[in-house]
């Protein structure tokens, strides 16, 4: 199946689910705001407005994958807050082993390659996206991706005899809000946002 077609199908399915939910209920469960006809929330450090009638988003230059993730978050969020004291690797997510190696290749390894010799560049990119410094690795940031979903991005600097390493952790309640296949896309999108910041 063509990748673009696959994402289009995912978008159409997500939009249908989004439109079938009551907007004020979605707002409550996702910690967004309902201001007719928009649901408003932040994605990373980007203020969003999602039109409940059409699914159109402001800003409209988001990646197609991000639009799918945003619609799914609004439609499927269960209302439980994230657990800052409990973090899970992608491998620990339900059925995470099925996508673990591609997740490493597409989300984690590029972070180590770009920032592994420049922690200051990593810090600047993370802070630009609203990241908050936390303990972990040689540098780590908690990224508030959505009101109820946070990721922790960790980086170990390249050293003599040791290559740079990175990791992405998901907060403990993340599977209440999104399925693992969507979290796979989310981790990759957050990584790419950092790489271009």
Protein backbone atom coordinates (compact mmCIF):
# COMPACT_ATOMS: atom_id res chain seq x y z
CA UNK A 1 0.00 0.00 0.00
CA UNK A 2 1.26 3.46 -0.84
CA UNK A 3 2.48 5.28 2.31
CA UNK A 4 0.54 8.44 1.44
CA UNK A 5 -2.62 6.39 0.90
CA UNK A 6 -2.10 4.67 4.23
CA UNK A 7 -1.86 8.02 6.01
CA UNK A 8 -4.89 9.31 4.10
CA UNK A 9 -6.90 6.30 5.27
CA UNK A 10 -5.69 6.88 8.84
CA UNK A 11 -6.64 10.56 8.57
CA UNK A 12 -10.11 9.79 7.19
CA UNK A 13 -10.74 7.23 9.93
CA UNK A 14 -9.46 9.60 12.64
CA UNK A 15 -11.57 12.48 11.30
CA UNK A 16 -14.67 10.29 11.34
CA UNK A 17 -14.07 9.34 14.98
CA UNK A 18 -13.35 12.97 15.84
CA UNK A 19 -16.56 14.19 14.23
CA UNK A 20 -18.60 11.51 16.01
CA UNK A 21 -17.53 12.74 19.45
CA UNK A 22 -19.17 15.60 21.31
CA UNK A 23 -16.70 18.49 21.29
CA UNK A 24 -17.23 19.55 24.90
CA UNK A 25 -16.60 15.94 26.03
CA UNK A 26 -13.40 15.76 23.97
CA UNK A 27 -12.30 19.09 25.44
CA UNK A 28 -12.83 17.80 28.97
CA UNK A 29 -11.06 14.48 28.43
CA UNK A 30 -8.12 15.93 26.49
CA UNK A 31 -7.72 19.12 28.58
CA UNK A 32 -8.30 21.26 25.50
CA UNK A 33 -10.70 24.22 25.28
CA UNK A 34 -13.97 24.24 23.35
CA UNK A 35 -14.54 27.62 21.68
CA UNK A 36 -17.13 27.03 18.95
CA UNK A 37 -16.26 25.73 16.39
CA UNK A 38 -12.69 25.06 17.59
CA UNK A 39 -11.00 22.77 20.04
CA UNK A 40 -7.88 24.60 21.20
CA UNK A 41 -4.75 23.07 22.72
CA UNK A 42 -0.97 23.08 22.49
CA UNK A 43 1.06 20.54 20.54
CA UNK A 44 4.64 20.81 21.78
CA UNK A 45 4.95 24.59 21.91
CA UNK A 46 2.55 25.20 19.03
CA UNK A 47 -0.92 26.66 19.79
CA UNK A 48 -3.51 24.72 17.79
CA UNK A 49 -7.11 25.29 16.80
CA UNK A 50 -8.94 22.29 15.36
CA UNK A 51 -12.25 22.95 13.62
CA UNK A 52 -14.81 20.41 14.85
CA UNK A 53 -16.97 20.87 11.73
CA UNK A 54 -14.19 20.18 9.20
CA UNK A 55 -11.12 18.84 11.00
CA UNK A 56 -9.07 21.70 9.54
CA UNK A 57 -6.24 22.92 11.74
CA UNK A 58 -4.61 26.25 12.44
CA UNK A 59 -1.74 26.41 11.72
CA UNK A 60 -2.31 24.45 8.54
CA UNK A 61 1.35 23.64 7.81
CA UNK A 62 1.51 20.66 10.18
CA UNK A 63 2.80 17.40 8.77
CA UNK A 64 0.13 14.97 7.62
CA UNK A 65 1.18 12.46 10.30
CA UNK A 66 0.82 15.14 12.97
CA UNK A 67 -2.73 15.90 11.87
CA UNK A 68 -3.63 12.23 12.27
CA UNK A 69 -2.05 12.13 15.75
CA UNK A 70 -3.84 15.33 16.85
CA UNK A 71 -7.26 14.08 15.72
CA UNK A 72 -6.66 10.75 17.46
CA UNK A 73 -5.53 12.44 20.67
CA UNK A 74 -8.67 14.60 20.78
CA UNK A 75 -10.99 11.72 19.91
CA UNK A 76 -9.41 9.03 22.09
CA UNK A 77 -7.97 10.79 25.14
CA UNK A 78 -9.32 9.16 28.30
CA UNK A 79 -8.92 12.08 30.71
CA UNK A 80 -6.26 10.55 32.97
CA UNK A 81 -3.29 12.79 33.68
CA UNK A 82 0.25 11.71 32.86
CA UNK A 83 2.44 10.12 35.55
CA UNK A 84 5.69 12.10 35.77
CA UNK A 85 7.24 9.55 38.13
CA UNK A 86 6.76 6.61 35.76
CA UNK A 87 8.37 6.45 32.34
CA UNK A 88 8.24 3.65 29.78
CA UNK A 89 10.53 2.83 26.89
CA UNK A 90 8.89 2.15 23.53
CA UNK A 91 9.65 -1.53 24.07
CA UNK A 92 7.48 -1.47 27.23
CA UNK A 93 4.40 -0.15 25.41
CA UNK A 94 1.73 -2.69 24.44
CA UNK A 95 3.11 -4.63 21.44
CA UNK A 96 6.01 -2.17 21.29
CA UNK A 97 8.35 -4.98 20.26
CA UNK A 98 6.68 -5.05 16.82
CA UNK A 99 7.90 -1.55 15.92
CA UNK A 100 10.92 -1.25 18.21
CA UNK A 101 13.71 -1.53 15.62
CA UNK A 102 12.16 0.91 13.12
CA UNK A 103 11.42 3.27 16.04
CA UNK A 104 15.08 3.17 17.03
CA UNK A 105 16.14 3.85 13.44
CA UNK A 106 13.64 6.63 12.69
CA UNK A 107 13.24 8.39 16.05
CA UNK A 108 16.13 7.69 18.42
CA UNK A 109 19.27 7.18 16.32
CA UNK A 110 18.87 10.50 14.41
CA UNK A 111 18.85 12.36 17.75
CA UNK A 112 22.13 10.74 18.79
CA UNK A 113 23.67 11.42 15.38
CA UNK A 114 22.76 15.12 15.30
CA UNK A 115 23.13 16.12 18.94
CA UNK A 116 25.60 13.57 20.33
CA UNK A 117 28.55 15.91 19.96
CA UNK A 118 26.64 19.11 20.79
CA UNK A 119 24.55 19.06 23.97
CA UNK A 120 23.99 22.82 23.79
CA UNK A 121 22.31 22.45 20.41
CA UNK A 122 20.09 19.71 21.88
CA UNK A 123 19.16 21.94 24.82
CA UNK A 124 18.29 24.87 22.56
CA UNK A 125 16.13 22.69 20.29
CA UNK A 126 14.29 21.12 23.24
CA UNK A 127 13.67 24.46 24.95
CA UNK A 128 12.34 25.94 21.70
CA UNK A 129 9.67 23.22 21.70
CA UNK A 130 8.77 23.91 25.33
CA UNK A 131 10.96 21.22 26.89
CA UNK A 132 11.76 21.39 30.60
CA UNK A 133 15.17 20.12 31.82
CA UNK A 134 15.02 16.99 33.99
CA UNK A 135 17.51 14.52 35.43
CA UNK A 136 18.74 11.85 33.03
CA UNK A 137 21.62 11.02 30.71
CA UNK A 138 24.03 13.86 30.04
CA UNK A 139 21.02 16.01 29.13
CA UNK A 140 17.30 15.28 29.32
CA UNK A 141 14.07 17.16 28.75
CA UNK A 142 10.44 16.49 29.50
CA UNK A 143 8.41 17.49 26.47
CA UNK A 144 4.75 18.34 27.04
CA UNK A 145 3.53 17.10 23.67
CA UNK A 146 -0.18 17.40 24.51
CA UNK A 147 -1.89 18.50 27.73
CA UNK A 148 -2.07 14.88 28.92
CA UNK A 149 0.95 13.34 27.15
CA UNK A 150 4.60 13.96 27.89
CA UNK A 151 7.76 12.38 26.51
CA UNK A 152 11.22 12.40 28.03
CA UNK A 153 14.11 12.75 25.62
CA UNK A 154 17.53 11.76 26.92
CA UNK A 155 20.96 12.17 25.36
CA UNK A 156 24.39 10.79 26.25
CA UNK A 157 27.25 12.71 24.70
CA UNK A 158 29.81 11.04 22.48
CA UNK A 159 32.91 10.22 24.51
CA UNK A 160 36.23 8.55 23.93
CA UNK A 161 35.43 4.95 23.14
CA UNK A 162 31.65 5.43 23.47
CA UNK A 163 29.26 6.52 20.72
CA UNK A 164 26.51 9.03 21.40
CA UNK A 165 23.23 7.53 22.57
CA UNK A 166 19.68 8.78 22.90
CA UNK A 167 16.38 7.52 24.22
CA UNK A 168 12.72 8.53 24.16
CA UNK A 169 10.53 7.57 27.10
CA UNK A 170 6.74 7.78 27.33
CA UNK A 171 4.80 8.73 30.43
CA UNK A 172 3.14 5.88 32.30
CA UNK A 173 -0.46 6.57 31.26
CA UNK A 174 0.23 7.27 27.59
CA UNK A 175 -1.50 4.10 26.37
CA UNK A 176 -4.76 5.35 27.90
CA UNK A 177 -4.77 8.09 25.29
CA UNK A 178 -3.22 6.66 22.12
CA UNK A 179 -2.49 3.20 20.69
CA UNK A 180 1.12 2.13 20.24
CA UNK A 181 1.00 2.53 16.44
CA UNK A 182 0.13 6.21 16.92
CA UNK A 183 2.76 6.63 19.65
CA UNK A 184 5.26 5.27 17.14
CA UNK A 185 4.36 8.14 14.78
CA UNK A 186 4.34 10.61 17.67
CA UNK A 187 7.87 9.74 18.78
CA UNK A 188 9.15 10.11 15.23
CA UNK A 189 7.40 13.46 14.76
CA UNK A 190 8.79 14.86 18.03
CA UNK A 191 12.27 13.68 17.07
CA UNK A 192 11.99 15.34 13.64
CA UNK A 193 10.73 18.58 15.18
CA UNK A 194 13.84 18.63 17.38
CA UNK A 195 16.10 17.91 14.41
CA UNK A 196 14.79 20.93 12.46
CA UNK A 197 14.52 23.35 15.42
